[in-house]
């Protein structure tokens, strides 16, 4: 049984632009498979960021890619594979005209309730000592991505999203 959750990533762009074309740039499609360890996340991210720089992606856009993917991949290591270190994480990325399309796979523990965390940010009047320790990563992921979708099928998690670029690609 597959469960699918869709999230409007940015309040001002709840629906993808009607003019967005889902054209994958064939010259830049990368797939990484690595063990679920924080060091491997850092290594994979460094390799991807170098490839994006070589492909001409602006540093501001690469910085957003780094934040989003670090949060998403570290969540897989910390939560999905908490009881099973060294399991395989699979990351697939492709450049589109307006950003980076990402698909993240793992066979770890499912998201609670088979849904993406909401990623709510505490209000600015929350006292510092009352701020929660975690959960800010999902707020960043929701805010900085579009077309955020989570599915679980055949004991595998799949999270898909697009990281739009400021200049539209």
N, C-alpha and C. Protein backbone atom coordinates (compact mmCIF):
# COMPACT_ATOMS: atom_id res chain seq x y z
N UNK A 1 0.84 -1.18 0.00
CA UNK A 1 0.00 0.00 0.00
C UNK A 1 0.88 1.24 0.00
N UNK A 2 0.62 2.14 -0.89
CA UNK A 2 1.41 3.37 -0.98
C UNK A 2 0.63 4.51 -0.36
N UNK A 3 1.32 5.34 0.36
CA UNK A 3 0.72 6.53 0.94
C UNK A 3 1.45 7.73 0.37
N UNK A 4 0.72 8.74 -0.02
CA UNK A 4 1.34 9.91 -0.63
C UNK A 4 0.89 11.16 0.09
N UNK A 5 1.84 12.02 0.41
CA UNK A 5 1.54 13.30 1.03
C UNK A 5 2.10 14.39 0.14
N UNK A 6 1.30 15.39 -0.16
CA UNK A 6 1.78 16.54 -0.94
C UNK A 6 1.76 17.76 -0.04
N UNK A 7 2.77 18.58 -0.15
CA UNK A 7 2.85 19.78 0.67
C UNK A 7 3.10 20.97 -0.22
N UNK A 8 2.39 22.03 0.03
CA UNK A 8 2.69 23.30 -0.63
C UNK A 8 3.92 23.85 0.07
N UNK A 9 5.01 23.93 -0.65
CA UNK A 9 6.28 24.27 -0.03
C UNK A 9 6.38 25.73 0.37
N UNK A 10 5.87 26.60 -0.43
CA UNK A 10 5.95 28.02 -0.14
C UNK A 10 4.54 28.59 -0.21
N UNK A 11 4.13 29.33 0.81
CA UNK A 11 2.76 29.85 0.82
C UNK A 11 2.42 30.66 -0.42
N UNK A 12 3.37 31.39 -0.96
CA UNK A 12 3.09 32.23 -2.12
C UNK A 12 3.12 31.47 -3.43
N UNK A 13 3.56 30.21 -3.41
CA UNK A 13 3.60 29.40 -4.62
C UNK A 13 3.03 28.02 -4.33
N UNK A 14 1.83 27.97 -3.79
CA UNK A 14 1.23 26.69 -3.42
C UNK A 14 1.08 25.77 -4.62
N UNK A 15 0.81 26.30 -5.78
CA UNK A 15 0.70 25.50 -6.98
C UNK A 15 1.91 25.79 -7.87
N UNK A 16 2.48 24.74 -8.49
CA UNK A 16 3.59 24.99 -9.40
C UNK A 16 3.16 25.90 -10.54
N UNK A 17 4.08 26.69 -11.00
CA UNK A 17 3.79 27.63 -12.08
C UNK A 17 3.30 26.89 -13.31
N UNK A 18 2.29 27.46 -13.95
CA UNK A 18 1.75 26.85 -15.16
C UNK A 18 2.79 26.87 -16.28
N UNK A 19 3.76 27.77 -16.18
CA UNK A 19 4.77 27.85 -17.23
C UNK A 19 5.96 26.95 -16.96
N UNK A 20 6.01 26.31 -15.78
CA UNK A 20 7.14 25.43 -15.48
C UNK A 20 7.10 24.22 -16.41
N UNK A 21 8.20 23.96 -17.04
CA UNK A 21 8.32 22.76 -17.85
C UNK A 21 9.21 21.79 -17.10
N UNK A 22 8.85 20.55 -17.10
CA UNK A 22 9.61 19.55 -16.38
C UNK A 22 10.69 18.97 -17.30
N UNK A 23 11.55 19.81 -17.78
CA UNK A 23 12.60 19.41 -18.69
C UNK A 23 13.87 19.11 -17.90
N UNK A 24 14.26 17.87 -17.86
CA UNK A 24 15.48 17.50 -17.16
C UNK A 24 16.66 17.74 -18.09
N UNK A 25 17.69 18.36 -17.57
CA UNK A 25 18.88 18.62 -18.36
C UNK A 25 19.69 17.33 -18.38
N UNK A 26 19.74 16.68 -19.52
CA UNK A 26 20.39 15.37 -19.62
C UNK A 26 21.87 15.41 -19.26
N UNK A 27 22.50 16.56 -19.47
CA UNK A 27 23.93 16.66 -19.17
C UNK A 27 24.20 16.64 -17.67
N UNK A 28 23.18 16.84 -16.86
CA UNK A 28 23.40 16.85 -15.41
C UNK A 28 22.31 16.03 -14.73
N UNK A 29 22.61 14.78 -14.56
CA UNK A 29 21.76 13.89 -13.79
C UNK A 29 22.71 13.02 -12.98
N UNK A 30 22.62 13.14 -11.66
CA UNK A 30 23.54 12.45 -10.76
C UNK A 30 22.77 11.52 -9.84
N UNK A 31 23.33 10.33 -9.62
CA UNK A 31 22.78 9.39 -8.66
C UNK A 31 23.90 8.98 -7.72
N UNK A 32 23.61 9.06 -6.42
CA UNK A 32 24.57 8.69 -5.40
C UNK A 32 23.95 7.62 -4.51
N UNK A 33 24.71 6.60 -4.17
CA UNK A 33 24.30 5.62 -3.17
C UNK A 33 25.41 5.57 -2.14
N UNK A 34 25.02 5.69 -0.88
CA UNK A 34 26.02 5.76 0.17
C UNK A 34 25.46 5.20 1.47
N UNK A 35 26.36 4.73 2.37
CA UNK A 35 25.90 4.20 3.65
C UNK A 35 25.34 5.32 4.53
N UNK A 36 24.38 4.99 5.35
CA UNK A 36 23.67 5.99 6.17
C UNK A 36 24.51 6.41 7.38
N UNK A 37 25.50 7.19 7.07
CA UNK A 37 26.39 7.76 8.10
C UNK A 37 26.55 9.25 7.80
N UNK A 38 26.67 10.04 8.86
CA UNK A 38 26.78 11.50 8.68
C UNK A 38 27.99 11.87 7.83
N UNK A 39 29.10 11.17 7.99
CA UNK A 39 30.30 11.47 7.20
C UNK A 39 30.03 11.26 5.70
N UNK A 40 29.23 10.22 5.38
CA UNK A 40 28.92 9.95 3.97
C UNK A 40 27.96 11.00 3.42
N UNK A 41 27.07 11.51 4.26
CA UNK A 41 26.20 12.61 3.84
C UNK A 41 27.05 13.81 3.46
N UNK A 42 28.00 14.17 4.32
CA UNK A 42 28.87 15.33 4.05
C UNK A 42 29.68 15.12 2.77
N UNK A 43 30.22 13.92 2.60
CA UNK A 43 31.03 13.62 1.42
C UNK A 43 30.19 13.69 0.14
N UNK A 44 29.01 13.11 0.17
CA UNK A 44 28.12 13.13 -0.99
C UNK A 44 27.71 14.56 -1.33
N UNK A 45 27.37 15.31 -0.31
CA UNK A 45 26.97 16.70 -0.50
C UNK A 45 28.10 17.52 -1.10
N UNK A 46 29.31 17.33 -0.63
CA UNK A 46 30.46 18.06 -1.17
C UNK A 46 30.67 17.72 -2.65
N UNK A 47 30.53 16.45 -2.99
CA UNK A 47 30.69 16.03 -4.38
C UNK A 47 29.61 16.63 -5.27
N UNK A 48 28.37 16.62 -4.80
CA UNK A 48 27.27 17.20 -5.57
C UNK A 48 27.45 18.70 -5.75
N UNK A 49 27.81 19.40 -4.68
CA UNK A 49 27.99 20.85 -4.76
C UNK A 49 29.11 21.22 -5.74
N UNK A 50 30.18 20.45 -5.76
CA UNK A 50 31.26 20.69 -6.72
C UNK A 50 30.75 20.51 -8.15
N UNK A 51 29.94 19.47 -8.37
CA UNK A 51 29.38 19.23 -9.70
C UNK A 51 28.42 20.35 -10.11
N UNK A 52 27.64 20.85 -9.16
CA UNK A 52 26.73 21.97 -9.46
C UNK A 52 27.52 23.23 -9.82
N UNK A 53 28.59 23.50 -9.07
CA UNK A 53 29.43 24.66 -9.39
C UNK A 53 30.00 24.52 -10.80
N UNK A 54 30.49 23.31 -11.12
CA UNK A 54 31.04 23.06 -12.46
C UNK A 54 29.99 23.23 -13.54
N UNK A 55 28.72 22.98 -13.20
CA UNK A 55 27.63 23.13 -14.16
C UNK A 55 27.15 24.57 -14.27
N UNK A 56 27.73 25.47 -13.46
CA UNK A 56 27.38 26.88 -13.55
C UNK A 56 26.27 27.34 -12.63
N UNK A 57 25.91 26.53 -11.63
CA UNK A 57 24.87 26.93 -10.68
C UNK A 57 25.42 28.04 -9.80
N UNK A 58 24.65 29.11 -9.63
CA UNK A 58 25.05 30.25 -8.80
C UNK A 58 25.29 29.82 -7.36
N UNK A 59 26.21 30.49 -6.68
CA UNK A 59 26.56 30.10 -5.30
C UNK A 59 25.38 30.23 -4.34
N UNK A 60 24.50 31.23 -4.53
CA UNK A 60 23.33 31.37 -3.67
C UNK A 60 22.41 30.15 -3.80
N UNK A 61 22.20 29.71 -5.03
CA UNK A 61 21.37 28.54 -5.27
C UNK A 61 22.02 27.28 -4.72
N UNK A 62 23.33 27.15 -4.91
CA UNK A 62 24.04 25.99 -4.36
C UNK A 62 23.96 25.97 -2.84
N UNK A 63 23.98 27.13 -2.21
CA UNK A 63 23.86 27.21 -0.76
C UNK A 63 22.51 26.70 -0.28
N UNK A 64 21.45 27.02 -1.02
CA UNK A 64 20.12 26.52 -0.67
C UNK A 64 20.05 25.01 -0.87
N UNK A 65 20.64 24.52 -1.95
CA UNK A 65 20.70 23.07 -2.18
C UNK A 65 21.39 22.41 -0.99
N UNK A 66 22.49 22.98 -0.55
CA UNK A 66 23.24 22.42 0.57
C UNK A 66 22.40 22.33 1.84
N UNK A 67 21.70 23.40 2.17
CA UNK A 67 20.86 23.42 3.38
C UNK A 67 19.77 22.36 3.30
N UNK A 68 19.04 22.35 2.19
CA UNK A 68 17.90 21.43 2.04
C UNK A 68 18.37 19.97 2.07
N UNK A 69 19.39 19.66 1.27
CA UNK A 69 19.83 18.27 1.21
C UNK A 69 20.51 17.81 2.49
N UNK A 70 21.24 18.69 3.16
CA UNK A 70 21.84 18.31 4.44
C UNK A 70 20.74 17.95 5.44
N UNK A 71 19.70 18.76 5.50
CA UNK A 71 18.58 18.48 6.41
C UNK A 71 17.90 17.17 6.04
N UNK A 72 17.56 17.00 4.77
CA UNK A 72 16.82 15.81 4.34
C UNK A 72 17.63 14.53 4.53
N UNK A 73 18.90 14.54 4.10
CA UNK A 73 19.71 13.33 4.21
C UNK A 73 20.08 13.02 5.66
N UNK A 74 20.36 14.03 6.46
CA UNK A 74 20.65 13.78 7.87
C UNK A 74 19.42 13.24 8.60
N UNK A 75 18.21 13.67 8.19
CA UNK A 75 16.99 13.10 8.76
C UNK A 75 16.89 11.60 8.47
N UNK A 76 17.28 11.19 7.28
CA UNK A 76 17.27 9.76 6.95
C UNK A 76 18.22 9.01 7.88
N UNK A 77 19.44 9.54 8.03
CA UNK A 77 20.42 8.88 8.91
C UNK A 77 19.92 8.83 10.34
N UNK A 78 19.42 9.96 10.84
CA UNK A 78 19.03 10.07 12.24
C UNK A 78 17.74 9.33 12.58
N UNK A 79 16.76 9.39 11.69
CA UNK A 79 15.44 8.85 12.02
C UNK A 79 15.11 7.55 11.30
N UNK A 80 15.22 7.53 9.98
CA UNK A 80 14.83 6.34 9.22
C UNK A 80 15.75 5.16 9.53
N UNK A 81 17.03 5.43 9.69
CA UNK A 81 18.01 4.35 9.92
C UNK A 81 18.59 4.37 11.32
N UNK A 82 17.89 4.96 12.26
CA UNK A 82 18.39 5.05 13.64
C UNK A 82 18.86 3.70 14.17
N UNK A 83 18.11 2.65 13.91
CA UNK A 83 18.43 1.32 14.42
C UNK A 83 19.28 0.51 13.45
N UNK A 84 19.55 1.03 12.27
CA UNK A 84 20.26 0.27 11.24
C UNK A 84 21.31 1.12 10.53
N UNK A 85 22.38 1.46 11.21
CA UNK A 85 23.41 2.25 10.52
C UNK A 85 24.01 1.46 9.35
N UNK A 86 24.54 2.17 8.41
CA UNK A 86 25.20 1.62 7.23
C UNK A 86 24.24 1.06 6.19
N UNK A 87 22.95 1.33 6.33
CA UNK A 87 22.01 0.97 5.26
C UNK A 87 22.18 1.98 4.13
N UNK A 88 21.67 1.66 2.96
CA UNK A 88 21.90 2.47 1.78
C UNK A 88 20.88 3.61 1.66
N UNK A 89 21.42 4.80 1.39
CA UNK A 89 20.63 5.98 1.05
C UNK A 89 20.89 6.22 -0.44
N UNK A 90 19.84 6.50 -1.19
CA UNK A 90 20.00 6.76 -2.61
C UNK A 90 19.47 8.16 -2.91
N UNK A 91 20.30 8.95 -3.56
CA UNK A 91 19.97 10.33 -3.92
C UNK A 91 20.10 10.48 -5.42
N UNK A 92 19.04 10.99 -6.03
CA UNK A 92 19.07 11.25 -7.47
C UNK A 92 18.73 12.72 -7.68
N UNK A 93 19.56 13.41 -8.46
CA UNK A 93 19.36 14.84 -8.72
C UNK A 93 19.48 15.10 -10.21
N UNK A 94 18.70 16.03 -10.69
CA UNK A 94 18.79 16.44 -12.10
C UNK A 94 18.45 17.92 -12.19
N UNK A 95 19.22 18.62 -13.01
CA UNK A 95 18.92 20.02 -13.26
C UNK A 95 17.75 20.15 -14.21
N UNK A 96 16.85 21.06 -13.88
CA UNK A 96 15.76 21.45 -14.77
C UNK A 96 16.01 22.89 -15.16
N UNK A 97 15.13 23.44 -15.95
CA UNK A 97 15.28 24.83 -16.36
C UNK A 97 15.24 25.78 -15.18
N UNK A 98 14.49 25.44 -14.14
CA UNK A 98 14.28 26.39 -13.04
C UNK A 98 14.79 25.92 -11.69
N UNK A 99 15.49 24.80 -11.63
CA UNK A 99 15.98 24.35 -10.34
C UNK A 99 16.52 22.93 -10.38
N UNK A 100 16.65 22.36 -9.21
CA UNK A 100 17.18 21.01 -9.07
C UNK A 100 16.07 20.08 -8.59
N UNK A 101 15.80 19.04 -9.38
CA UNK A 101 14.82 18.02 -9.00
C UNK A 101 15.55 16.95 -8.20
N UNK A 102 14.96 16.57 -7.06
CA UNK A 102 15.61 15.64 -6.14
C UNK A 102 14.66 14.49 -5.82
N UNK A 103 15.22 13.28 -5.78
CA UNK A 103 14.50 12.10 -5.31
C UNK A 103 15.41 11.41 -4.31
N UNK A 104 14.91 11.21 -3.10
CA UNK A 104 15.67 10.60 -2.01
C UNK A 104 14.97 9.31 -1.61
N UNK A 105 15.72 8.18 -1.64
CA UNK A 105 15.17 6.86 -1.31
C UNK A 105 15.88 6.29 -0.10
N UNK A 106 15.11 5.56 0.72
CA UNK A 106 15.70 4.76 1.78
C UNK A 106 14.73 3.63 2.13
N UNK A 107 15.23 2.61 2.79
CA UNK A 107 14.37 1.50 3.21
C UNK A 107 14.27 1.46 4.74
N UNK A 108 14.36 2.62 5.34
CA UNK A 108 14.29 2.72 6.79
C UNK A 108 12.87 2.83 7.31
N UNK A 109 12.77 3.29 8.55
CA UNK A 109 11.49 3.46 9.22
C UNK A 109 10.66 4.51 8.47
N UNK A 110 9.35 4.26 8.39
CA UNK A 110 8.45 5.20 7.71
C UNK A 110 8.28 6.48 8.51
N UNK A 111 7.87 7.53 7.82
CA UNK A 111 7.53 8.79 8.49
C UNK A 111 6.35 8.52 9.43
N UNK A 112 6.33 9.18 10.58
CA UNK A 112 5.20 8.99 11.51
C UNK A 112 3.86 9.28 10.82
N UNK A 113 2.94 8.34 10.93
CA UNK A 113 1.64 8.51 10.31
C UNK A 113 1.68 8.50 8.79
N UNK A 114 2.80 8.08 8.22
CA UNK A 114 3.01 8.08 6.77
C UNK A 114 2.82 9.46 6.15
N UNK A 115 3.19 10.48 6.93
CA UNK A 115 3.08 11.87 6.47
C UNK A 115 4.37 12.62 6.76
N UNK A 116 4.66 13.58 5.91
CA UNK A 116 5.79 14.47 6.18
C UNK A 116 5.50 15.30 7.42
N UNK A 117 6.51 15.58 8.23
CA UNK A 117 6.30 16.51 9.34
C UNK A 117 5.86 17.87 8.80
N UNK A 118 5.03 18.56 9.56
CA UNK A 118 4.49 19.84 9.11
C UNK A 118 5.56 20.91 8.98
N UNK A 119 6.55 20.88 9.82
CA UNK A 119 7.61 21.87 9.73
C UNK A 119 7.19 23.24 10.19
N UNK A 120 6.38 23.28 11.24
CA UNK A 120 5.96 24.59 11.78
C UNK A 120 7.10 25.24 12.52
N UNK A 121 7.21 26.52 12.35
CA UNK A 121 8.22 27.29 13.06
C UNK A 121 7.55 27.96 14.26
N UNK A 122 8.19 27.93 15.43
CA UNK A 122 7.60 28.60 16.60
C UNK A 122 7.41 30.09 16.32
N UNK A 123 6.44 30.67 16.99
CA UNK A 123 6.22 32.10 16.83
C UNK A 123 7.37 32.88 17.45
N UNK A 124 7.51 34.10 17.02
CA UNK A 124 8.63 34.92 17.51
C UNK A 124 8.50 35.29 18.98
N UNK A 125 7.31 35.11 19.56
CA UNK A 125 7.15 35.43 20.98
C UNK A 125 7.38 34.22 21.89
N UNK A 126 7.84 33.08 21.31
CA UNK A 126 8.15 31.91 22.12
C UNK A 126 9.44 32.18 22.90
N UNK A 127 9.40 32.03 24.22
CA UNK A 127 10.62 32.25 25.01
C UNK A 127 11.72 31.27 24.59
N UNK A 128 12.95 31.72 24.60
CA UNK A 128 14.09 30.93 24.16
C UNK A 128 14.14 29.57 24.85
N UNK A 129 13.90 29.54 26.15
CA UNK A 129 13.97 28.27 26.89
C UNK A 129 12.83 27.32 26.51
N UNK A 130 11.78 27.80 25.84
CA UNK A 130 10.66 26.95 25.45
C UNK A 130 10.73 26.47 23.99
N UNK A 131 11.78 26.88 23.28
CA UNK A 131 11.92 26.44 21.90
C UNK A 131 12.21 24.94 21.86
N UNK A 132 11.57 24.21 20.94
CA UNK A 132 11.85 22.78 20.82
C UNK A 132 13.27 22.57 20.29
N UNK A 133 13.84 21.40 20.59
CA UNK A 133 15.20 21.13 20.14
C UNK A 133 15.26 20.84 18.65
N UNK A 134 14.29 20.12 18.12
CA UNK A 134 14.32 19.73 16.72
C UNK A 134 13.13 20.25 15.95
N UNK A 135 13.06 19.86 14.69
CA UNK A 135 11.90 20.20 13.87
C UNK A 135 12.08 21.39 12.97
N UNK A 136 13.15 22.15 13.16
CA UNK A 136 13.36 23.33 12.32
C UNK A 136 13.79 22.94 10.90
N UNK A 137 14.42 21.78 10.77
CA UNK A 137 14.86 21.31 9.46
C UNK A 137 13.70 21.14 8.49
N UNK A 138 12.60 20.58 8.98
CA UNK A 138 11.43 20.41 8.11
C UNK A 138 10.81 21.74 7.74
N UNK A 139 10.90 22.71 8.62
CA UNK A 139 10.42 24.06 8.27
C UNK A 139 11.25 24.59 7.10
N UNK A 140 12.56 24.43 7.16
CA UNK A 140 13.43 24.88 6.07
C UNK A 140 13.12 24.13 4.78
N UNK A 141 12.95 22.82 4.87
CA UNK A 141 12.67 22.02 3.68
C UNK A 141 11.35 22.47 3.05
N UNK A 142 10.31 22.62 3.84
CA UNK A 142 9.01 23.08 3.31
C UNK A 142 9.14 24.46 2.67
N UNK A 143 9.90 25.34 3.31
CA UNK A 143 10.02 26.73 2.84
C UNK A 143 10.85 26.85 1.56
N UNK A 144 11.88 26.03 1.44
CA UNK A 144 12.84 26.19 0.34
C UNK A 144 12.62 25.27 -0.85
N UNK A 145 11.55 24.45 -0.81
CA UNK A 145 11.29 23.54 -1.91
C UNK A 145 9.89 23.75 -2.49
N UNK A 146 9.68 23.13 -3.63
CA UNK A 146 8.36 23.07 -4.28
C UNK A 146 8.07 21.61 -4.57
N UNK A 147 6.79 21.31 -4.74
CA UNK A 147 6.35 19.96 -5.14
C UNK A 147 6.91 18.89 -4.20
N UNK A 148 6.85 19.15 -2.91
CA UNK A 148 7.36 18.23 -1.89
C UNK A 148 6.38 17.08 -1.70
N UNK A 149 6.84 15.86 -1.99
CA UNK A 149 5.97 14.68 -1.95
C UNK A 149 6.70 13.55 -1.22
N UNK A 150 6.01 12.88 -0.33
CA UNK A 150 6.52 11.70 0.36
C UNK A 150 5.63 10.51 0.03
N UNK A 151 6.24 9.39 -0.30
CA UNK A 151 5.50 8.15 -0.50
C UNK A 151 6.22 7.02 0.22
N UNK A 152 5.43 6.02 0.58
CA UNK A 152 5.98 4.80 1.19
C UNK A 152 5.33 3.64 0.46
N UNK A 153 6.14 2.80 -0.14
CA UNK A 153 5.64 1.63 -0.86
C UNK A 153 6.70 0.53 -0.78
N UNK A 154 6.25 -0.69 -0.61
CA UNK A 154 7.15 -1.85 -0.57
C UNK A 154 8.29 -1.65 0.42
N UNK A 155 7.93 -1.13 1.61
CA UNK A 155 8.92 -0.93 2.69
C UNK A 155 10.02 0.06 2.33
N UNK A 156 9.73 0.96 1.39
CA UNK A 156 10.71 1.97 0.99
C UNK A 156 10.09 3.35 1.09
N UNK A 157 10.90 4.31 1.54
CA UNK A 157 10.51 5.71 1.59
C UNK A 157 11.04 6.41 0.34
N UNK A 158 10.24 7.31 -0.19
CA UNK A 158 10.68 8.15 -1.29
C UNK A 158 10.20 9.57 -1.01
N UNK A 159 11.14 10.50 -1.01
CA UNK A 159 10.82 11.91 -0.85
C UNK A 159 11.29 12.62 -2.11
N UNK A 160 10.37 13.37 -2.72
CA UNK A 160 10.66 14.09 -3.97
C UNK A 160 10.40 15.56 -3.76
N UNK A 161 11.21 16.39 -4.40
CA UNK A 161 10.97 17.82 -4.36
C UNK A 161 11.82 18.51 -5.41
N UNK A 162 11.52 19.77 -5.61
CA UNK A 162 12.32 20.62 -6.48
C UNK A 162 12.85 21.77 -5.63
N UNK A 163 14.11 22.05 -5.78
CA UNK A 163 14.73 23.22 -5.15
C UNK A 163 14.82 24.28 -6.24
N UNK A 164 13.92 25.28 -6.20
CA UNK A 164 13.93 26.28 -7.27
C UNK A 164 15.14 27.22 -7.12
N UNK A 165 15.63 27.66 -8.25
CA UNK A 165 16.74 28.59 -8.25
C UNK A 165 16.22 30.02 -8.35
N UNK A 166 16.91 30.93 -7.70
CA UNK A 166 16.49 32.33 -7.63
C UNK A 166 16.33 32.95 -9.02
N UNK A 167 17.23 32.65 -9.91
CA UNK A 167 17.20 33.24 -11.24
C UNK A 167 16.33 32.43 -12.20
N UNK A 168 15.65 31.40 -11.68
CA UNK A 168 14.81 30.59 -12.54
C UNK A 168 15.59 29.60 -13.38
N UNK A 169 16.82 29.29 -12.96
CA UNK A 169 17.59 28.27 -13.63
C UNK A 169 18.60 28.87 -14.48
